[in-house]
Amino acid sequence: MVLLLVPFAAMQFGVDGVKWTAIDFIAAAIMLLGAGIGIEIALRVVKRFEYRIAACVAILFALAVVWAELAVGIIGTPLAGS
């Protein structure tokens, strides 16, 4: 959750383009927590090292795609940011 301090600090210093609301912080926290739990489960369940790496990369890739979609709308779903 330390990652959430980056946008919070940017907002305190008045960086243009960083205007998060409480909902943005909650959504980011849920996504980071979900990715962390998913990685933890993958590391406990998957035994082969190569598959562990693949599972973690897939989870982080999904996190990045969802984050980017919510932020700027790279895919164009109705969930995209303004």
PDB file of N, CA and C in Angstrom:
ATOM      1  N   MET A   1       0.809  -1.195   0.000  1.00  0.00           N
ATOM      2  CA  MET A   1       0.000   0.000   0.000  1.00  0.00           C
ATOM      3  C   MET A   1       0.858   1.267   0.000  1.00  0.00           C
ATOM      4  N   VAL A   2       2.149   1.094   0.120  1.00  0.00           N
ATOM      5  CA  VAL A   2       3.058   2.238   0.068  1.00  0.00           C
ATOM      6  C   VAL A   2       2.977   2.922  -1.303  1.00  0.00           C
ATOM      7  N   LEU A   3       2.623   2.160  -2.336  1.00  0.00           N
ATOM      8  CA  LEU A   3       2.488   2.731  -3.677  1.00  0.00           C
ATOM      9  C   LEU A   3       1.433   3.828  -3.733  1.00  0.00           C
ATOM     10  N   LEU A   4       0.464   3.765  -2.851  1.00  0.00           N
ATOM     11  CA  LEU A   4      -0.587   4.780  -2.840  1.00  0.00           C
ATOM     12  C   LEU A   4      -0.088   6.118  -2.305  1.00  0.00           C
ATOM     13  N   LEU A   5       1.076   6.123  -1.671  1.00  0.00           N
ATOM     14  CA  LEU A   5       1.644   7.382  -1.198  1.00  0.00           C
ATOM     15  C   LEU A   5       2.178   8.240  -2.340  1.00  0.00           C
ATOM     16  N   VAL A   6       2.500   7.615  -3.459  1.00  0.00           N
ATOM     17  CA  VAL A   6       3.029   8.373  -4.602  1.00  0.00           C
ATOM     18  C   VAL A   6       1.988   9.360  -5.141  1.00  0.00           C
ATOM     19  N   PRO A   7       0.777   8.920  -5.502  1.00  0.00           N
ATOM     20  CA  PRO A   7      -0.200   9.904  -5.964  1.00  0.00           C
ATOM     21  C   PRO A   7      -0.645  10.862  -4.859  1.00  0.00           C
ATOM     22  N   PHE A   8      -0.664  10.367  -3.624  1.00  0.00           N
ATOM     23  CA  PHE A   8      -1.041  11.247  -2.517  1.00  0.00           C
ATOM     24  C   PHE A   8      -0.026  12.381  -2.363  1.00  0.00           C
ATOM     25  N   ALA A   9       1.260  12.044  -2.420  1.00  0.00           N
ATOM     26  CA  ALA A   9       2.305  13.070  -2.322  1.00  0.00           C
ATOM     27  C   ALA A   9       2.261  14.006  -3.522  1.00  0.00           C
ATOM     28  N   ALA A  10       2.011  13.452  -4.707  1.00  0.00           N
ATOM     29  CA  ALA A  10       1.929  14.295  -5.905  1.00  0.00           C
ATOM     30  C   ALA A  10       0.779  15.286  -5.780  1.00  0.00           C
ATOM     31  N   MET A  11      -0.326  14.872  -5.197  1.00  0.00           N
ATOM     32  CA  MET A  11      -1.444  15.784  -5.002  1.00  0.00           C
ATOM     33  C   MET A  11      -1.085  16.885  -4.009  1.00  0.00           C
ATOM     34  N   GLN A  12      -0.292  16.565  -2.992  1.00  0.00           N
ATOM     35  CA  GLN A  12       0.081  17.559  -1.995  1.00  0.00           C
ATOM     36  C   GLN A  12       0.993  18.624  -2.576  1.00  0.00           C
ATOM     37  N   PHE A  13       1.817  18.235  -3.560  1.00  0.00           N
ATOM     38  CA  PHE A  13       2.733  19.184  -4.185  1.00  0.00           C
ATOM     39  C   PHE A  13       2.118  19.871  -5.399  1.00  0.00           C
ATOM     40  N   GLY A  14       0.870  19.585  -5.700  1.00  0.00           N
ATOM     41  CA  GLY A  14       0.166  20.271  -6.769  1.00  0.00           C
ATOM     42  C   GLY A  14       0.596  19.872  -8.169  1.00  0.00           C
ATOM     43  N   VAL A  15       1.000  18.624  -8.360  1.00  0.00           N
ATOM     44  CA  VAL A  15       1.395  18.157  -9.690  1.00  0.00           C
ATOM     45  C   VAL A  15       0.167  18.131 -10.586  1.00  0.00           C
ATOM     46  N   ASP A  16       0.293  18.753 -11.768  1.00  0.00           N
ATOM     47  CA  ASP A  16      -0.827  18.781 -12.705  1.00  0.00           C
ATOM     48  C   ASP A  16      -1.153  17.376 -13.192  1.00  0.00           C
ATOM     49  N   GLY A  17      -2.431  17.054 -13.294  1.00  0.00           N
ATOM     50  CA  GLY A  17      -2.856  15.754 -13.790  1.00  0.00           C
ATOM     51  C   GLY A  17      -3.076  14.721 -12.712  1.00  0.00           C
ATOM     52  N   VAL A  18      -2.736  15.022 -11.478  1.00  0.00           N
ATOM     53  CA  VAL A  18      -2.950  14.071 -10.385  1.00  0.00           C
ATOM     54  C   VAL A  18      -4.046  14.637  -9.487  1.00  0.00           C
ATOM     55  N   LYS A  19      -5.265  14.172  -9.750  1.00  0.00           N
ATOM     56  CA  LYS A  19      -6.420  14.635  -8.976  1.00  0.00           C
ATOM     57  C   LYS A  19      -7.249  13.413  -8.588  1.00  0.00           C
ATOM     58  N   TRP A  20      -6.759  12.657  -7.631  1.00  0.00           N
ATOM     59  CA  TRP A  20      -7.452  11.457  -7.193  1.00  0.00           C
ATOM     60  C   TRP A  20      -8.497  11.806  -6.143  1.00  0.00           C
ATOM     61  N   THR A  21      -9.610  11.080  -6.193  1.00  0.00           N
ATOM     62  CA  THR A  21     -10.633  11.199  -5.158  1.00  0.00           C
ATOM     63  C   THR A  21     -10.484  10.005  -4.211  1.00  0.00           C
ATOM     64  N   ALA A  22     -11.312   9.975  -3.200  1.00  0.00           N
ATOM     65  CA  ALA A  22     -11.279   8.855  -2.253  1.00  0.00           C
ATOM     66  C   ALA A  22     -11.604   7.544  -2.959  1.00  0.00           C
ATOM     67  N   ILE A  23     -12.520   7.591  -3.916  1.00  0.00           N
ATOM     68  CA  ILE A  23     -12.880   6.388  -4.672  1.00  0.00           C
ATOM     69  C   ILE A  23     -11.689   5.861  -5.463  1.00  0.00           C
ATOM     70  N   ASP A  24     -10.871   6.759  -6.013  1.00  0.00           N
ATOM     71  CA  ASP A  24      -9.673   6.346  -6.749  1.00  0.00           C
ATOM     72  C   ASP A  24      -8.701   5.609  -5.832  1.00  0.00           C
ATOM     73  N   PHE A  25      -8.504   6.127  -4.640  1.00  0.00           N
ATOM     74  CA  PHE A  25      -7.608   5.479  -3.688  1.00  0.00           C
ATOM     75  C   PHE A  25      -8.158   4.120  -3.248  1.00  0.00           C
ATOM     76  N   ILE A  26      -9.456   4.043  -3.036  1.00  0.00           N
ATOM     77  CA  ILE A  26     -10.077   2.779  -2.636  1.00  0.00           C
ATOM     78  C   ILE A  26      -9.952   1.746  -3.747  1.00  0.00           C
ATOM     79  N   ALA A  27     -10.226   2.151  -4.990  1.00  0.00           N
ATOM     80  CA  ALA A  27     -10.122   1.238  -6.126  1.00  0.00           C
ATOM     81  C   ALA A  27      -8.688   0.745  -6.298  1.00  0.00           C
ATOM     82  N   ALA A  28      -7.722   1.643  -6.184  1.00  0.00           N
ATOM     83  CA  ALA A  28      -6.318   1.257  -6.313  1.00  0.00           C
ATOM     84  C   ALA A  28      -5.911   0.304  -5.191  1.00  0.00           C
ATOM     85  N   ALA A  29      -6.366   0.576  -3.986  1.00  0.00           N
ATOM     86  CA  ALA A  29      -6.043  -0.292  -2.852  1.00  0.00           C
ATOM     87  C   ALA A  29      -6.634  -1.681  -3.052  1.00  0.00           C
ATOM     88  N   ILE A  30      -7.865  -1.754  -3.543  1.00  0.00           N
ATOM     89  CA  ILE A  30      -8.503  -3.054  -3.785  1.00  0.00           C
ATOM     90  C   ILE A  30      -7.756  -3.817  -4.869  1.00  0.00           C
ATOM     91  N   MET A  31      -7.365  -3.120  -5.935  1.00  0.00           N
ATOM     92  CA  MET A  31      -6.637  -3.789  -7.016  1.00  0.00           C
ATOM     93  C   MET A  31      -5.274  -4.292  -6.538  1.00  0.00           C
ATOM     94  N   LEU A  32      -4.550  -3.474  -5.789  1.00  0.00           N
ATOM     95  CA  LEU A  32      -3.240  -3.895  -5.282  1.00  0.00           C
ATOM     96  C   LEU A  32      -3.371  -5.049  -4.291  1.00  0.00           C
ATOM     97  N   LEU A  33      -4.370  -4.973  -3.433  1.00  0.00           N
ATOM     98  CA  LEU A  33      -4.603  -6.052  -2.477  1.00  0.00           C
ATOM     99  C   LEU A  33      -4.978  -7.343  -3.197  1.00  0.00           C
ATOM    100  N   GLY A  34      -5.836  -7.240  -4.194  1.00  0.00           N
ATOM    101  CA  GLY A  34      -6.227  -8.419  -4.964  1.00  0.00           C
ATOM    102  C   GLY A  34      -5.054  -9.047  -5.691  1.00  0.00           C
ATOM    103  N   ALA A  35      -4.209  -8.210  -6.286  1.00  0.00           N
ATOM    104  CA  ALA A  35      -3.026  -8.729  -6.975  1.00  0.00           C
ATOM    105  C   ALA A  35      -2.074  -9.389  -5.976  1.00  0.00           C
ATOM    106  N   GLY A  36      -1.905  -8.781  -4.829  1.00  0.00           N
ATOM    107  CA  GLY A  36      -1.035  -9.352  -3.811  1.00  0.00           C
ATOM    108  C   GLY A  36      -1.538 -10.691  -3.308  1.00  0.00           C
ATOM    109  N   ILE A  37      -2.827 -10.774  -3.074  1.00  0.00           N
ATOM    110  CA  ILE A  37      -3.413 -12.036  -2.625  1.00  0.00           C
ATOM    111  C   ILE A  37      -3.317 -13.085  -3.723  1.00  0.00           C
ATOM    112  N   GLY A  38      -3.560 -12.673  -4.965  1.00  0.00           N
ATOM    113  CA  GLY A  38      -3.445 -13.607  -6.087  1.00  0.00           C
ATOM    114  C   GLY A  38      -2.040 -14.158  -6.236  1.00  0.00           C
ATOM    115  N   ILE A  39      -1.043 -13.291  -6.091  1.00  0.00           N
ATOM    116  CA  ILE A  39       0.348 -13.739  -6.173  1.00  0.00           C
ATOM    117  C   ILE A  39       0.674 -14.671  -5.012  1.00  0.00           C
ATOM    118  N   GLU A  40       0.207 -14.337  -3.843  1.00  0.00           N
ATOM    119  CA  GLU A  40       0.460 -15.195  -2.675  1.00  0.00           C
ATOM    120  C   GLU A  40      -0.147 -16.585  -2.870  1.00  0.00           C
ATOM    121  N   ILE A  41      -1.362 -16.637  -3.377  1.00  0.00           N
ATOM    122  CA  ILE A  41      -2.008 -17.928  -3.639  1.00  0.00           C
ATOM    123  C   ILE A  41      -1.246 -18.693  -4.711  1.00  0.00           C
ATOM    124  N   ALA A  42      -0.853 -18.004  -5.773  1.00  0.00           N
ATOM    125  CA  ALA A  42      -0.105 -18.666  -6.854  1.00  0.00           C
ATOM    126  C   ALA A  42       1.206 -19.241  -6.326  1.00  0.00           C
ATOM    127  N   LEU A  43       1.884 -18.504  -5.481  1.00  0.00           N
ATOM    128  CA  LEU A  43       3.156 -18.994  -4.958  1.00  0.00           C
ATOM    129  C   LEU A  43       2.979 -20.181  -4.015  1.00  0.00           C
ATOM    130  N   ARG A  44       1.859 -20.249  -3.346  1.00  0.00           N
ATOM    131  CA  ARG A  44       1.610 -21.369  -2.431  1.00  0.00           C
ATOM    132  C   ARG A  44       1.111 -22.614  -3.162  1.00  0.00           C
ATOM    133  N   VAL A  45       0.343 -22.415  -4.224  1.00  0.00           N
ATOM    134  CA  VAL A  45      -0.290 -23.541  -4.902  1.00  0.00           C
ATOM    135  C   VAL A  45       0.603 -24.133  -5.986  1.00  0.00           C
ATOM    136  N   VAL A  46       1.225 -23.275  -6.781  1.00  0.00           N
ATOM    137  CA  VAL A  46       2.020 -23.739  -7.920  1.00  0.00           C
ATOM    138  C   VAL A  46       3.388 -24.189  -7.426  1.00  0.00           C
ATOM    139  N   LYS A  47       3.795 -25.364  -7.837  1.00  0.00           N
ATOM    140  CA  LYS A  47       5.046 -25.936  -7.342  1.00  0.00           C
ATOM    141  C   LYS A  47       6.239 -25.689  -8.258  1.00  0.00           C
ATOM    142  N   ARG A  48       6.035 -25.740  -9.555  1.00  0.00           N
ATOM    143  CA  ARG A  48       7.163 -25.560 -10.482  1.00  0.00           C
ATOM    144  C   ARG A  48       7.539 -24.093 -10.581  1.00  0.00           C
ATOM    145  N   PHE A  49       8.838 -23.814 -10.549  1.00  0.00           N
ATOM    146  CA  PHE A  49       9.350 -22.448 -10.553  1.00  0.00           C
ATOM    147  C   PHE A  49       8.902 -21.682 -11.794  1.00  0.00           C
ATOM    148  N   GLU A  50       8.973 -22.319 -12.959  1.00  0.00           N
ATOM    149  CA  GLU A  50       8.610 -21.650 -14.206  1.00  0.00           C
ATOM    150  C   GLU A  50       7.142 -21.242 -14.212  1.00  0.00           C
ATOM    151  N   TYR A  51       6.288 -22.114 -13.693  1.00  0.00           N
ATOM    152  CA  TYR A  51       4.862 -21.802 -13.645  1.00  0.00           C
ATOM    153  C   TYR A  51       4.565 -20.710 -12.614  1.00  0.00           C
ATOM    154  N   ARG A  52       5.334 -20.687 -11.549  1.00  0.00           N
ATOM    155  CA  ARG A  52       5.178 -19.625 -10.553  1.00  0.00           C
ATOM    156  C   ARG A  52       5.465 -18.262 -11.178  1.00  0.00           C
ATOM    157  N   ILE A  53       6.567 -18.206 -11.923  1.00  0.00           N
ATOM    158  CA  ILE A  53       6.930 -16.954 -12.584  1.00  0.00           C
ATOM    159  C   ILE A  53       5.841 -16.557 -13.573  1.00  0.00           C
ATOM    160  N   ALA A  54       5.364 -17.519 -14.362  1.00  0.00           N
ATOM    161  CA  ALA A  54       4.322 -17.235 -15.348  1.00  0.00           C
ATOM    162  C   ALA A  54       3.038 -16.742 -14.678  1.00  0.00           C
ATOM    163  N   ALA A  55       2.659 -17.358 -13.573  1.00  0.00           N
ATOM    164  CA  ALA A  55       1.447 -16.950 -12.867  1.00  0.00           C
ATOM    165  C   ALA A  55       1.584 -15.536 -12.310  1.00  0.00           C
ATOM    166  N   CYS A  56       2.736 -15.229 -11.735  1.00  0.00           N
ATOM    167  CA  CYS A  56       2.958 -13.893 -11.178  1.00  0.00           C
ATOM    168  C   CYS A  56       2.984 -12.836 -12.277  1.00  0.00           C
ATOM    169  N   VAL A  57       3.617 -13.148 -13.391  1.00  0.00           N
ATOM    170  CA  VAL A  57       3.651 -12.207 -14.520  1.00  0.00           C
ATOM    171  C   VAL A  57       2.241 -11.976 -15.055  1.00  0.00           C
ATOM    172  N   ALA A  58       1.446 -13.034 -15.163  1.00  0.00           N
ATOM    173  CA  ALA A  58       0.074 -12.897 -15.645  1.00  0.00           C
ATOM    174  C   ALA A  58      -0.761 -12.032 -14.710  1.00  0.00           C
ATOM    175  N   ILE A  59      -0.604 -12.217 -13.427  1.00  0.00           N
ATOM    176  CA  ILE A  59      -1.350 -11.416 -12.451  1.00  0.00           C
ATOM    177  C   ILE A  59      -0.936  -9.953 -12.533  1.00  0.00           C
ATOM    178  N   LEU A  60       0.361  -9.697 -12.611  1.00  0.00           N
ATOM    179  CA  LEU A  60       0.838  -8.314 -12.701  1.00  0.00           C
ATOM    180  C   LEU A  60       0.438  -7.664 -14.025  1.00  0.00           C
ATOM    181  N   PHE A  61       0.422  -8.446 -15.109  1.00  0.00           N
ATOM    182  CA  PHE A  61      -0.023  -7.917 -16.391  1.00  0.00           C
ATOM    183  C   PHE A  61      -1.502  -7.540 -16.327  1.00  0.00           C
ATOM    184  N   ALA A  62      -2.317  -8.402 -15.727  1.00  0.00           N
ATOM    185  CA  ALA A  62      -3.747  -8.100 -15.578  1.00  0.00           C
ATOM    186  C   ALA A  62      -3.952  -6.852 -14.732  1.00  0.00           C
ATOM    187  N   LEU A  63      -3.174  -6.710 -13.673  1.00  0.00           N
ATOM    188  CA  LEU A  63      -3.253  -5.508 -12.842  1.00  0.00           C
ATOM    189  C   LEU A  63      -2.922  -4.267 -13.665  1.00  0.00           C
ATOM    190  N   ALA A  64      -1.859  -4.338 -14.457  1.00  0.00           N
ATOM    191  CA  ALA A  64      -1.444  -3.185 -15.262  1.00  0.00           C
ATOM    192  C   ALA A  64      -2.498  -2.814 -16.304  1.00  0.00           C
ATOM    193  N   VAL A  65      -3.103  -3.817 -16.936  1.00  0.00           N
ATOM    194  CA  VAL A  65      -4.119  -3.544 -17.953  1.00  0.00           C
ATOM    195  C   VAL A  65      -5.360  -2.910 -17.330  1.00  0.00           C
ATOM    196  N   VAL A  66      -5.811  -3.455 -16.219  1.00  0.00           N
ATOM    197  CA  VAL A  66      -6.994  -2.896 -15.550  1.00  0.00           C
ATOM    198  C   VAL A  66      -6.699  -1.488 -15.051  1.00  0.00           C
ATOM    199  N   TRP A  67      -5.519  -1.276 -14.473  1.00  0.00           N
ATOM    200  CA  TRP A  67      -5.139   0.045 -13.971  1.00  0.00           C
ATOM    201  C   TRP A  67      -5.112   1.060 -15.113  1.00  0.00           C
ATOM    202  N   ALA A  68      -4.496   0.688 -16.226  1.00  0.00           N
ATOM    203  CA  ALA A  68      -4.415   1.589 -17.376  1.00  0.00           C
ATOM    204  C   ALA A  68      -5.800   1.861 -17.963  1.00  0.00           C
ATOM    205  N   GLU A  69      -6.643   0.852 -17.996  1.00  0.00           N
ATOM    206  CA  GLU A  69      -7.994   1.049 -18.514  1.00  0.00           C
ATOM    207  C   GLU A  69      -8.780   2.014 -17.634  1.00  0.00           C
ATOM    208  N   LEU A  70      -8.685   1.842 -16.341  1.00  0.00           N
ATOM    209  CA  LEU A  70      -9.397   2.754 -15.447  1.00  0.00           C
ATOM    210  C   LEU A  70      -8.818   4.163 -15.494  1.00  0.00           C
ATOM    211  N   ALA A  71      -7.523   4.274 -15.741  1.00  0.00           N
ATOM    212  CA  ALA A  71      -6.877   5.591 -15.737  1.00  0.00           C
ATOM    213  C   ALA A  71      -7.139   6.362 -17.021  1.00  0.00           C
ATOM    214  N   VAL A  72      -6.891   5.734 -18.164  1.00  0.00           N
ATOM    215  CA  VAL A  72      -6.961   6.485 -19.422  1.00  0.00           C
ATOM    216  C   VAL A  72      -7.796   5.825 -20.497  1.00  0.00           C
ATOM    217  N   GLY A  73      -8.267   4.622 -20.287  1.00  0.00           N
ATOM    218  CA  GLY A  73      -9.140   3.987 -21.252  1.00  0.00           C
ATOM    219  C   GLY A  73      -8.433   3.446 -22.477  1.00  0.00           C
ATOM    220  N   ILE A  74      -7.429   2.597 -22.293  1.00  0.00           N
ATOM    221  CA  ILE A  74      -6.681   2.069 -23.434  1.00  0.00           C
ATOM    222  C   ILE A  74      -7.500   1.097 -24.273  1.00  0.00           C
ATOM    223  N   ILE A  75      -8.494   0.471 -23.683  1.00  0.00           N
ATOM    224  CA  ILE A  75      -9.319  -0.488 -24.406  1.00  0.00           C
ATOM    225  C   ILE A  75     -10.613   0.161 -24.883  1.00  0.00           C
ATOM    226  N   GLY A  76     -11.127   1.089 -24.133  1.00  0.00           N
ATOM    227  CA  GLY A  76     -12.328   1.805 -24.538  1.00  0.00           C
ATOM    228  C   GLY A  76     -13.611   1.289 -23.903  1.00  0.00           C
ATOM    229  N   THR A  77     -13.525   0.670 -22.740  1.00  0.00           N
ATOM    230  CA  THR A  77     -14.741   0.205 -22.062  1.00  0.00           C
ATOM    231  C   THR A  77     -15.414   1.393 -21.366  1.00  0.00           C
ATOM    232  N   PRO A  78     -16.658   1.199 -20.957  1.00  0.00           N
ATOM    233  CA  PRO A  78     -17.349   2.281 -20.224  1.00  0.00           C
ATOM    234  C   PRO A  78     -16.717   2.618 -18.876  1.00  0.00           C
ATOM    235  N   LEU A  79     -15.817   1.758 -18.379  1.00  0.00           N
ATOM    236  CA  LEU A  79     -15.171   2.011 -17.089  1.00  0.00           C
ATOM    237  C   LEU A  79     -14.011   3.003 -17.196  1.00  0.00           C
ATOM    238  N   ALA A  80     -13.652   3.383 -18.406  1.00  0.00           N
ATOM    239  CA  ALA A  80     -12.475   4.216 -18.626  1.00  0.00           C
ATOM    240  C   ALA A  80     -12.616   5.571 -17.948  1.00  0.00           C
ATOM    241  N   GLY A  81     -11.469   6.102 -17.546  1.00  0.00           N
ATOM    242  CA  GLY A  81     -11.441   7.433 -16.940  1.00  0.00           C
ATOM    243  C   GLY A  81     -11.726   8.506 -17.964  1.00  0.00           C
ATOM    244  N   SER A  82     -11.941   9.701 -17.480  1.00  0.00           N
ATOM    245  CA  SER A  82     -12.313  10.795 -18.384  1.00  0.00           C
ATOM    246  C   SER A  82     -11.133  11.389 -19.092  1.00  0.00           C
TER     247      SER A  82
END
